[in-house]
Amino acid sequence: MKAGIVFTGTGPILILTSYASLSDPNLAAKLARKGVMKFIAHELDPALVKARYGKQFEAISDELKRADDMRVLDYNGHNVFYNFAFEEMGPAIYRQ
């Protein structure tokens, strides 16, 4: 499982995904179907996300039993942005 912050035109969201990478073109296509055509993503350590989101993380990750799927863990941009330091984020992944 991968976790990541996806900075969109309307603000950051926190996602969990069973895709092998946040740069997977199929994940980008899935986000595009949800209206997210352009984004900057940063991978996060799933253990760190679990420590910060607890039961909410567990409930969402339990839904990701199927391969190649994605769930939004937090869509409150303020929450997402201030819950993680820049040093905790992986390298930027750009999608235009």
PDB file of N, CA and C in Angstrom:
ATOM      1  N   MET A   1       0.849  -1.178   0.000  1.00  0.00           N
ATOM      2  CA  MET A   1       0.000   0.000   0.000  1.00  0.00           C
ATOM      3  C   MET A   1       0.891   1.237   0.000  1.00  0.00           C
ATOM      4  N   LYS A   2       0.458   2.225  -0.744  1.00  0.00           N
ATOM      5  CA  LYS A   2       1.130   3.518  -0.810  1.00  0.00           C
ATOM      6  C   LYS A   2       0.208   4.578  -0.211  1.00  0.00           C
ATOM      7  N   ALA A   3       0.812   5.580   0.386  1.00  0.00           N
ATOM      8  CA  ALA A   3       0.077   6.736   0.901  1.00  0.00           C
ATOM      9  C   ALA A   3       0.725   7.970   0.302  1.00  0.00           C
ATOM     10  N   GLY A   4      -0.085   8.991   0.046  1.00  0.00           N
ATOM     11  CA  GLY A   4       0.490  10.194  -0.528  1.00  0.00           C
ATOM     12  C   GLY A   4      -0.415  11.395  -0.426  1.00  0.00           C
ATOM     13  N   ILE A   5       0.233  12.542  -0.458  1.00  0.00           N
ATOM     14  CA  ILE A   5      -0.477  13.816  -0.542  1.00  0.00           C
ATOM     15  C   ILE A   5      -0.528  14.183  -2.016  1.00  0.00           C
ATOM     16  N   VAL A   6      -1.716  14.507  -2.484  1.00  0.00           N
ATOM     17  CA  VAL A   6      -1.909  14.927  -3.872  1.00  0.00           C
ATOM     18  C   VAL A   6      -2.378  16.376  -3.840  1.00  0.00           C
ATOM     19  N   PHE A   7      -1.523  17.274  -4.316  1.00  0.00           N
ATOM     20  CA  PHE A   7      -1.876  18.691  -4.388  1.00  0.00           C
ATOM     21  C   PHE A   7      -2.622  18.921  -5.688  1.00  0.00           C
ATOM     22  N   THR A   8      -3.882  19.322  -5.570  1.00  0.00           N
ATOM     23  CA  THR A   8      -4.746  19.546  -6.725  1.00  0.00           C
ATOM     24  C   THR A   8      -5.053  21.032  -6.833  1.00  0.00           C
ATOM     25  N   GLY A   9      -5.823  21.392  -7.833  1.00  0.00           N
ATOM     26  CA  GLY A   9      -6.214  22.791  -8.016  1.00  0.00           C
ATOM     27  C   GLY A   9      -7.067  23.329  -6.880  1.00  0.00           C
ATOM     28  N   THR A  10      -7.739  22.451  -6.157  1.00  0.00           N
ATOM     29  CA  THR A  10      -8.601  22.900  -5.057  1.00  0.00           C
ATOM     30  C   THR A  10      -7.978  22.667  -3.693  1.00  0.00           C
ATOM     31  N   GLY A  11      -6.754  22.155  -3.667  1.00  0.00           N
ATOM     32  CA  GLY A  11      -6.062  21.919  -2.399  1.00  0.00           C
ATOM     33  C   GLY A  11      -5.601  20.479  -2.275  1.00  0.00           C
ATOM     34  N   PRO A  12      -4.834  20.187  -1.221  1.00  0.00           N
ATOM     35  CA  PRO A  12      -4.295  18.840  -1.060  1.00  0.00           C
ATOM     36  C   PRO A  12      -5.327  17.843  -0.538  1.00  0.00           C
ATOM     37  N   ILE A  13      -5.170  16.596  -0.983  1.00  0.00           N
ATOM     38  CA  ILE A  13      -5.946  15.479  -0.448  1.00  0.00           C
ATOM     39  C   ILE A  13      -4.938  14.404  -0.043  1.00  0.00           C
ATOM     40  N   LEU A  14      -5.326  13.569   0.879  1.00  0.00           N
ATOM     41  CA  LEU A  14      -4.490  12.462   1.326  1.00  0.00           C
ATOM     42  C   LEU A  14      -5.113  11.170   0.810  1.00  0.00           C
ATOM     43  N   ILE A  15      -4.320  10.392   0.077  1.00  0.00           N
ATOM     44  CA  ILE A  15      -4.867   9.157  -0.501  1.00  0.00           C
ATOM     45  C   ILE A  15      -4.100   7.937  -0.009  1.00  0.00           C
ATOM     46  N   LEU A  16      -4.785   6.812  -0.046  1.00  0.00           N
ATOM     47  CA  LEU A  16      -4.178   5.490   0.102  1.00  0.00           C
ATOM     48  C   LEU A  16      -4.460   4.753  -1.191  1.00  0.00           C
ATOM     49  N   THR A  17      -3.481   3.993  -1.658  1.00  0.00           N
ATOM     50  CA  THR A  17      -3.672   3.287  -2.917  1.00  0.00           C
ATOM     51  C   THR A  17      -2.952   1.949  -2.916  1.00  0.00           C
ATOM     52  N   SER A  18      -3.506   1.017  -3.659  1.00  0.00           N
ATOM     53  CA  SER A  18      -2.854  -0.273  -3.847  1.00  0.00           C
ATOM     54  C   SER A  18      -2.034  -0.295  -5.141  1.00  0.00           C
ATOM     55  N   TYR A  19      -2.010   0.800  -5.887  1.00  0.00           N
ATOM     56  CA  TYR A  19      -1.141   0.893  -7.057  1.00  0.00           C
ATOM     57  C   TYR A  19       0.312   0.811  -6.587  1.00  0.00           C
ATOM     58  N   ALA A  20       1.189   0.313  -7.428  1.00  0.00           N
ATOM     59  CA  ALA A  20       2.593   0.125  -7.067  1.00  0.00           C
ATOM     60  C   ALA A  20       3.331   1.442  -6.855  1.00  0.00           C
ATOM     61  N   SER A  21       2.822   2.522  -7.457  1.00  0.00           N
ATOM     62  CA  SER A  21       3.506   3.807  -7.385  1.00  0.00           C
ATOM     63  C   SER A  21       2.502   4.944  -7.575  1.00  0.00           C
ATOM     64  N   LEU A  22       2.794   6.080  -6.979  1.00  0.00           N
ATOM     65  CA  LEU A  22       1.947   7.261  -7.195  1.00  0.00           C
ATOM     66  C   LEU A  22       2.125   7.814  -8.606  1.00  0.00           C
ATOM     67  N   SER A  23       3.165   7.371  -9.296  1.00  0.00           N
ATOM     68  CA  SER A  23       3.379   7.820 -10.676  1.00  0.00           C
ATOM     69  C   SER A  23       2.758   6.856 -11.694  1.00  0.00           C
ATOM     70  N   ASP A  24       2.056   5.847 -11.247  1.00  0.00           N
ATOM     71  CA  ASP A  24       1.409   4.882 -12.141  1.00  0.00           C
ATOM     72  C   ASP A  24       0.402   5.605 -13.041  1.00  0.00           C
ATOM     73  N   PRO A  25       0.505   5.455 -14.355  1.00  0.00           N
ATOM     74  CA  PRO A  25      -0.423   6.132 -15.264  1.00  0.00           C
ATOM     75  C   PRO A  25      -1.886   5.742 -15.036  1.00  0.00           C
ATOM     76  N   ASN A  26      -2.114   4.526 -14.559  1.00  0.00           N
ATOM     77  CA  ASN A  26      -3.483   4.107 -14.282  1.00  0.00           C
ATOM     78  C   ASN A  26      -4.066   4.834 -13.069  1.00  0.00           C
ATOM     79  N   LEU A  27      -3.226   5.135 -12.084  1.00  0.00           N
ATOM     80  CA  LEU A  27      -3.675   5.946 -10.943  1.00  0.00           C
ATOM     81  C   LEU A  27      -4.004   7.359 -11.425  1.00  0.00           C
ATOM     82  N   ALA A  28      -3.158   7.908 -12.286  1.00  0.00           N
ATOM     83  CA  ALA A  28      -3.421   9.241 -12.844  1.00  0.00           C
ATOM     84  C   ALA A  28      -4.738   9.242 -13.618  1.00  0.00           C
ATOM     85  N   ALA A  29      -5.003   8.174 -14.347  1.00  0.00           N
ATOM     86  CA  ALA A  29      -6.261   8.074 -15.104  1.00  0.00           C
ATOM     87  C   ALA A  29      -7.452   7.994 -14.163  1.00  0.00           C
ATOM     88  N   LYS A  30      -7.302   7.273 -13.057  1.00  0.00           N
ATOM     89  CA  LYS A  30      -8.379   7.170 -12.077  1.00  0.00           C
ATOM     90  C   LYS A  30      -8.655   8.541 -11.446  1.00  0.00           C
ATOM     91  N   LEU A  31      -7.595   9.273 -11.107  1.00  0.00           N
ATOM     92  CA  LEU A  31      -7.766  10.630 -10.566  1.00  0.00           C
ATOM     93  C   LEU A  31      -8.420  11.532 -11.610  1.00  0.00           C
ATOM     94  N   ALA A  32      -8.029  11.390 -12.874  1.00  0.00           N
ATOM     95  CA  ALA A  32      -8.613  12.202 -13.949  1.00  0.00           C
ATOM     96  C   ALA A  32     -10.115  11.955 -14.065  1.00  0.00           C
ATOM     97  N   ARG A  33     -10.529  10.700 -13.904  1.00  0.00           N
ATOM     98  CA  ARG A  33     -11.965  10.384 -13.948  1.00  0.00           C
ATOM     99  C   ARG A  33     -12.725  11.046 -12.797  1.00  0.00           C
ATOM    100  N   LYS A  34     -12.002  11.380 -11.749  1.00  0.00           N
ATOM    101  CA  LYS A  34     -12.615  12.074 -10.608  1.00  0.00           C
ATOM    102  C   LYS A  34     -12.451  13.590 -10.707  1.00  0.00           C
ATOM    103  N   GLY A  35     -11.923  14.063 -11.856  1.00  0.00           N
ATOM    104  CA  GLY A  35     -11.789  15.497 -12.096  1.00  0.00           C
ATOM    105  C   GLY A  35     -10.431  16.079 -11.760  1.00  0.00           C
ATOM    106  N   VAL A  36      -9.488  15.248 -11.336  1.00  0.00           N
ATOM    107  CA  VAL A  36      -8.137  15.718 -11.001  1.00  0.00           C
ATOM    108  C   VAL A  36      -7.232  15.428 -12.188  1.00  0.00           C
ATOM    109  N   MET A  37      -7.089  16.425 -13.063  1.00  0.00           N
ATOM    110  CA  MET A  37      -6.322  16.245 -14.297  1.00  0.00           C
ATOM    111  C   MET A  37      -4.836  16.580 -14.128  1.00  0.00           C
ATOM    112  N   LYS A  38      -4.547  17.492 -13.230  1.00  0.00           N
ATOM    113  CA  LYS A  38      -3.196  18.001 -13.048  1.00  0.00           C
ATOM    114  C   LYS A  38      -2.915  17.999 -11.557  1.00  0.00           C
ATOM    115  N   PHE A  39      -1.738  17.473 -11.155  1.00  0.00           N
ATOM    116  CA  PHE A  39      -1.438  17.425  -9.724  1.00  0.00           C
ATOM    117  C   PHE A  39       0.049  17.293  -9.470  1.00  0.00           C
ATOM    118  N   ILE A  40       0.407  17.537  -8.233  1.00  0.00           N
ATOM    119  CA  ILE A  40       1.738  17.256  -7.708  1.00  0.00           C
ATOM    120  C   ILE A  40       1.510  16.315  -6.536  1.00  0.00           C
ATOM    121  N   ALA A  41       2.180  15.160  -6.546  1.00  0.00           N
ATOM    122  CA  ALA A  41       1.999  14.179  -5.480  1.00  0.00           C
ATOM    123  C   ALA A  41       3.321  13.933  -4.764  1.00  0.00           C
ATOM    124  N   HIS A  42       3.217  13.639  -3.485  1.00  0.00           N
ATOM    125  CA  HIS A  42       4.371  13.273  -2.661  1.00  0.00           C
ATOM    126  C   HIS A  42       4.002  12.028  -1.873  1.00  0.00           C
ATOM    127  N   GLU A  43       4.837  11.000  -1.978  1.00  0.00           N
ATOM    128  CA  GLU A  43       4.580   9.790  -1.213  1.00  0.00           C
ATOM    129  C   GLU A  43       4.899  10.014   0.264  1.00  0.00           C
ATOM    130  N   LEU A  44       4.145   9.349   1.120  1.00  0.00           N
ATOM    131  CA  LEU A  44       4.350   9.381   2.566  1.00  0.00           C
ATOM    132  C   LEU A  44       4.544   7.964   3.063  1.00  0.00           C
ATOM    133  N   ASP A  45       5.237   7.819   4.167  1.00  0.00           N
ATOM    134  CA  ASP A  45       5.390   6.518   4.800  1.00  0.00           C
ATOM    135  C   ASP A  45       4.031   6.097   5.365  1.00  0.00           C
ATOM    136  N   PRO A  46       3.481   4.963   4.920  1.00  0.00           N
ATOM    137  CA  PRO A  46       2.172   4.536   5.423  1.00  0.00           C
ATOM    138  C   PRO A  46       2.122   4.391   6.947  1.00  0.00           C
ATOM    139  N   ALA A  47       3.233   3.988   7.569  1.00  0.00           N
ATOM    140  CA  ALA A  47       3.264   3.873   9.036  1.00  0.00           C
ATOM    141  C   ALA A  47       3.073   5.237   9.699  1.00  0.00           C
ATOM    142  N   LEU A  48       3.635   6.269   9.094  1.00  0.00           N
ATOM    143  CA  LEU A  48       3.471   7.632   9.604  1.00  0.00           C
ATOM    144  C   LEU A  48       2.017   8.079   9.476  1.00  0.00           C
ATOM    145  N   VAL A  49       1.414   7.788   8.341  1.00  0.00           N
ATOM    146  CA  VAL A  49       0.011   8.151   8.109  1.00  0.00           C
ATOM    147  C   VAL A  49      -0.878   7.394   9.097  1.00  0.00           C
ATOM    148  N   LYS A  50      -0.582   6.122   9.299  1.00  0.00           N
ATOM    149  CA  LYS A  50      -1.360   5.319  10.253  1.00  0.00           C
ATOM    150  C   LYS A  50      -1.247   5.890  11.661  1.00  0.00           C
ATOM    151  N   ALA A  51      -0.050   6.320  12.042  1.00  0.00           N
ATOM    152  CA  ALA A  51       0.154   6.898  13.373  1.00  0.00           C
ATOM    153  C   ALA A  51      -0.660   8.179  13.562  1.00  0.00           C
ATOM    154  N   ARG A  52      -0.830   8.949  12.491  1.00  0.00           N
ATOM    155  CA  ARG A  52      -1.550  10.230  12.591  1.00  0.00           C
ATOM    156  C   ARG A  52      -3.061  10.081  12.430  1.00  0.00           C
ATOM    157  N   TYR A  53      -3.507   9.054  11.701  1.00  0.00           N
ATOM    158  CA  TYR A  53      -4.929   8.918  11.389  1.00  0.00           C
ATOM    159  C   TYR A  53      -5.606   7.721  12.066  1.00  0.00           C
ATOM    160  N   GLY A  54      -4.838   6.834  12.673  1.00  0.00           N
ATOM    161  CA  GLY A  54      -5.365   5.740  13.481  1.00  0.00           C
ATOM    162  C   GLY A  54      -6.464   4.919  12.851  1.00  0.00           C
ATOM    163  N   LYS A  55      -7.612   4.881  13.538  1.00  0.00           N
ATOM    164  CA  LYS A  55      -8.750   4.048  13.112  1.00  0.00           C
ATOM    165  C   LYS A  55      -9.249   4.425  11.721  1.00  0.00           C
ATOM    166  N   GLN A  56      -9.204   5.711  11.396  1.00  0.00           N
ATOM    167  CA  GLN A  56      -9.638   6.147  10.061  1.00  0.00           C
ATOM    168  C   GLN A  56      -8.744   5.507   9.000  1.00  0.00           C
ATOM    169  N   PHE A  57      -7.431   5.468   9.249  1.00  0.00           N
ATOM    170  CA  PHE A  57      -6.489   4.823   8.331  1.00  0.00           C
ATOM    171  C   PHE A  57      -6.843   3.347   8.182  1.00  0.00           C
ATOM    172  N   GLU A  58      -7.068   2.670   9.309  1.00  0.00           N
ATOM    173  CA  GLU A  58      -7.369   1.240   9.287  1.00  0.00           C
ATOM    174  C   GLU A  58      -8.651   0.947   8.506  1.00  0.00           C
ATOM    175  N   ALA A  59      -9.678   1.745   8.719  1.00  0.00           N
ATOM    176  CA  ALA A  59     -10.951   1.538   8.021  1.00  0.00           C
ATOM    177  C   ALA A  59     -10.785   1.687   6.514  1.00  0.00           C
ATOM    178  N   ILE A  60     -10.065   2.723   6.090  1.00  0.00           N
ATOM    179  CA  ILE A  60      -9.869   2.961   4.656  1.00  0.00           C
ATOM    180  C   ILE A  60      -8.951   1.897   4.058  1.00  0.00           C
ATOM    181  N   SER A  61      -7.879   1.548   4.765  1.00  0.00           N
ATOM    182  CA  SER A  61      -6.948   0.547   4.215  1.00  0.00           C
ATOM    183  C   SER A  61      -7.619  -0.818   4.101  1.00  0.00           C
ATOM    184  N   ASP A  62      -8.571  -1.124   4.980  1.00  0.00           N
ATOM    185  CA  ASP A  62      -9.310  -2.381   4.876  1.00  0.00           C
ATOM    186  C   ASP A  62     -10.127  -2.449   3.587  1.00  0.00           C
ATOM    187  N   GLU A  63     -10.531  -1.299   3.061  1.00  0.00           N
ATOM    188  CA  GLU A  63     -11.291  -1.254   1.810  1.00  0.00           C
ATOM    189  C   GLU A  63     -10.413  -1.507   0.586  1.00  0.00           C
ATOM    190  N   LEU A  64      -9.102  -1.426   0.759  1.00  0.00           N
ATOM    191  CA  LEU A  64      -8.179  -1.554  -0.378  1.00  0.00           C
ATOM    192  C   LEU A  64      -7.705  -2.990  -0.573  1.00  0.00           C
ATOM    193  N   LYS A  65      -8.584  -3.920  -0.484  1.00  0.00           N
ATOM    194  CA  LYS A  65      -8.226  -5.325  -0.671  1.00  0.00           C
ATOM    195  C   LYS A  65      -7.981  -5.631  -2.144  1.00  0.00           C
ATOM    196  N   ARG A  66      -8.660  -4.921  -3.010  1.00  0.00           N
ATOM    197  CA  ARG A  66      -8.558  -5.131  -4.453  1.00  0.00           C
ATOM    198  C   ARG A  66      -7.289  -4.461  -4.986  1.00  0.00           C
ATOM    199  N   ALA A  67      -6.643  -5.084  -5.943  1.00  0.00           N
ATOM    200  CA  ALA A  67      -5.465  -4.483  -6.569  1.00  0.00           C
ATOM    201  C   ALA A  67      -5.883  -3.284  -7.413  1.00  0.00           C
ATOM    202  N   ASP A  68      -4.976  -2.362  -7.570  1.00  0.00           N
ATOM    203  CA  ASP A  68      -5.182  -1.188  -8.415  1.00  0.00           C
ATOM    204  C   ASP A  68      -6.424  -0.395  -8.020  1.00  0.00           C
ATOM    205  N   ASP A  69      -6.428   0.067  -6.804  1.00  0.00           N
ATOM    206  CA  ASP A  69      -7.543   0.868  -6.314  1.00  0.00           C
ATOM    207  C   ASP A  69      -6.993   2.039  -5.513  1.00  0.00           C
ATOM    208  N   MET A  70      -7.863   2.979  -5.196  1.00  0.00           N
ATOM    209  CA  MET A  70      -7.468   4.178  -4.476  1.00  0.00           C
ATOM    210  C   MET A  70      -8.627   4.663  -3.629  1.00  0.00           C
ATOM    211  N   ARG A  71      -8.307   5.193  -2.445  1.00  0.00           N
ATOM    212  CA  ARG A  71      -9.312   5.795  -1.574  1.00  0.00           C
ATOM    213  C   ARG A  71      -8.754   7.108  -1.022  1.00  0.00           C
ATOM    214  N   VAL A  72      -9.634   8.080  -0.832  1.00  0.00           N
ATOM    215  CA  VAL A  72      -9.250   9.339  -0.204  1.00  0.00           C
ATOM    216  C   VAL A  72      -9.397   9.155   1.302  1.00  0.00           C
ATOM    217  N   LEU A  73      -8.313   9.379   2.014  1.00  0.00           N
ATOM    218  CA  LEU A  73      -8.312   9.271   3.467  1.00  0.00           C
ATOM    219  C   LEU A  73      -8.736  10.587   4.112  1.00  0.00           C
ATOM    220  N   ASP A  74      -8.304  11.703   3.524  1.00  0.00           N
ATOM    221  CA  ASP A  74      -8.659  13.018   4.068  1.00  0.00           C
ATOM    222  C   ASP A  74      -8.718  14.021   2.924  1.00  0.00           C
ATOM    223  N   TYR A  75      -9.829  14.704   2.781  1.00  0.00           N
ATOM    224  CA  TYR A  75      -9.974  15.724   1.743  1.00  0.00           C
ATOM    225  C   TYR A  75     -10.015  17.133   2.321  1.00  0.00           C
ATOM    226  N   ASN A  76      -9.807  17.259   3.634  1.00  0.00           N
ATOM    227  CA  ASN A  76      -9.712  18.572   4.264  1.00  0.00           C
ATOM    228  C   ASN A  76      -8.288  19.091   4.050  1.00  0.00           C
ATOM    229  N   GLY A  77      -8.134  19.958   3.063  1.00  0.00           N
ATOM    230  CA  GLY A  77      -6.817  20.441   2.666  1.00  0.00           C
ATOM    231  C   GLY A  77      -5.998  21.029   3.793  1.00  0.00           C
ATOM    232  N   HIS A  78      -6.626  21.774   4.677  1.00  0.00           N
ATOM    233  CA  HIS A  78      -5.916  22.373   5.812  1.00  0.00           C
ATOM    234  C   HIS A  78      -5.332  21.281   6.694  1.00  0.00           C
ATOM    235  N   ASN A  79      -6.146  20.296   6.996  1.00  0.00           N
ATOM    236  CA  ASN A  79      -5.699  19.149   7.798  1.00  0.00           C
ATOM    237  C   ASN A  79      -4.516  18.453   7.149  1.00  0.00           C
ATOM    238  N   VAL A  80      -4.677  18.112   5.898  1.00  0.00           N
ATOM    239  CA  VAL A  80      -3.654  17.369   5.164  1.00  0.00           C
ATOM    240  C   VAL A  80      -2.350  18.152   5.126  1.00  0.00           C
ATOM    241  N   PHE A  81      -2.420  19.420   4.795  1.00  0.00           N
ATOM    242  CA  PHE A  81      -1.222  20.246   4.640  1.00  0.00           C
ATOM    243  C   PHE A  81      -0.452  20.387   5.953  1.00  0.00           C
ATOM    244  N   TYR A  82      -1.166  20.569   7.052  1.00  0.00           N
ATOM    245  CA  TYR A  82      -0.491  20.818   8.327  1.00  0.00           C
ATOM    246  C   TYR A  82      -0.202  19.562   9.134  1.00  0.00           C
ATOM    247  N   ASN A  83      -0.668  18.398   8.699  1.00  0.00           N
ATOM    248  CA  ASN A  83      -0.370  17.155   9.415  1.00  0.00           C
ATOM    249  C   ASN A  83       0.995  16.577   9.078  1.00  0.00           C
ATOM    250  N   PHE A  84       1.615  17.063   7.986  1.00  0.00           N
ATOM    251  CA  PHE A  84       2.882  16.492   7.554  1.00  0.00           C
ATOM    252  C   PHE A  84       3.889  17.586   7.228  1.00  0.00           C
ATOM    253  N   ALA A  85       5.121  17.386   7.711  1.00  0.00           N
ATOM    254  CA  ALA A  85       6.212  18.312   7.405  1.00  0.00           C
ATOM    255  C   ALA A  85       6.746  18.004   6.003  1.00  0.00           C
ATOM    256  N   PHE A  86       7.306  18.997   5.358  1.00  0.00           N
ATOM    257  CA  PHE A  86       7.874  18.784   4.027  1.00  0.00           C
ATOM    258  C   PHE A  86       8.950  17.699   4.055  1.00  0.00           C
ATOM    259  N   GLU A  87       9.694  17.605   5.152  1.00  0.00           N
ATOM    260  CA  GLU A  87      10.755  16.603   5.279  1.00  0.00           C
ATOM    261  C   GLU A  87      10.202  15.184   5.304  1.00  0.00           C
ATOM    262  N   GLU A  88       8.922  15.030   5.607  1.00  0.00           N
ATOM    263  CA  GLU A  88       8.301  13.709   5.657  1.00  0.00           C
ATOM    264  C   GLU A  88       7.768  13.266   4.294  1.00  0.00           C
ATOM    265  N   MET A  89       7.784  14.154   3.342  1.00  0.00           N
ATOM    266  CA  MET A  89       7.251  13.873   2.012  1.00  0.00           C
ATOM    267  C   MET A  89       8.360  13.396   1.082  1.00  0.00           C
ATOM    268  N   GLY A  90       8.012  12.431   0.240  1.00  0.00           N
ATOM    269  CA  GLY A  90       8.953  11.953  -0.770  1.00  0.00           C
ATOM    270  C   GLY A  90       9.099  12.970  -1.898  1.00  0.00           C
ATOM    271  N   PRO A  91       9.914  12.637  -2.886  1.00  0.00           N
ATOM    272  CA  PRO A  91      10.111  13.535  -4.030  1.00  0.00           C
ATOM    273  C   PRO A  91       8.794  13.812  -4.761  1.00  0.00           C
ATOM    274  N   ALA A  92       8.740  14.972  -5.385  1.00  0.00           N
ATOM    275  CA  ALA A  92       7.526  15.383  -6.101  1.00  0.00           C
ATOM    276  C   ALA A  92       7.333  14.557  -7.374  1.00  0.00           C
ATOM    277  N   ILE A  93       6.085  14.216  -7.628  1.00  0.00           N
ATOM    278  CA  ILE A  93       5.666  13.544  -8.856  1.00  0.00           C
ATOM    279  C   ILE A  93       4.695  14.503  -9.547  1.00  0.00           C
ATOM    280  N   TYR A  94       5.034  14.926 -10.753  1.00  0.00           N
ATOM    281  CA  TYR A  94       4.231  15.909 -11.471  1.00  0.00           C
ATOM    282  C   TYR A  94       3.391  15.224 -12.544  1.00  0.00           C
ATOM    283  N   ARG A  95       2.146  15.644 -12.648  1.00  0.00           N
ATOM    284  CA  ARG A  95       1.257  15.147 -13.706  1.00  0.00           C
ATOM    285  C   ARG A  95       0.529  16.335 -14.331  1.00  0.00           C
ATOM    286  N   GLN A  96       0.727  16.524 -15.644  1.00  0.00           N
ATOM    287  CA  GLN A  96       0.077  17.634 -16.323  1.00  0.00           C
ATOM    288  C   GLN A  96      -0.953  17.148 -17.298  1.00  0.00           C
TER     289      GLN A  96
END
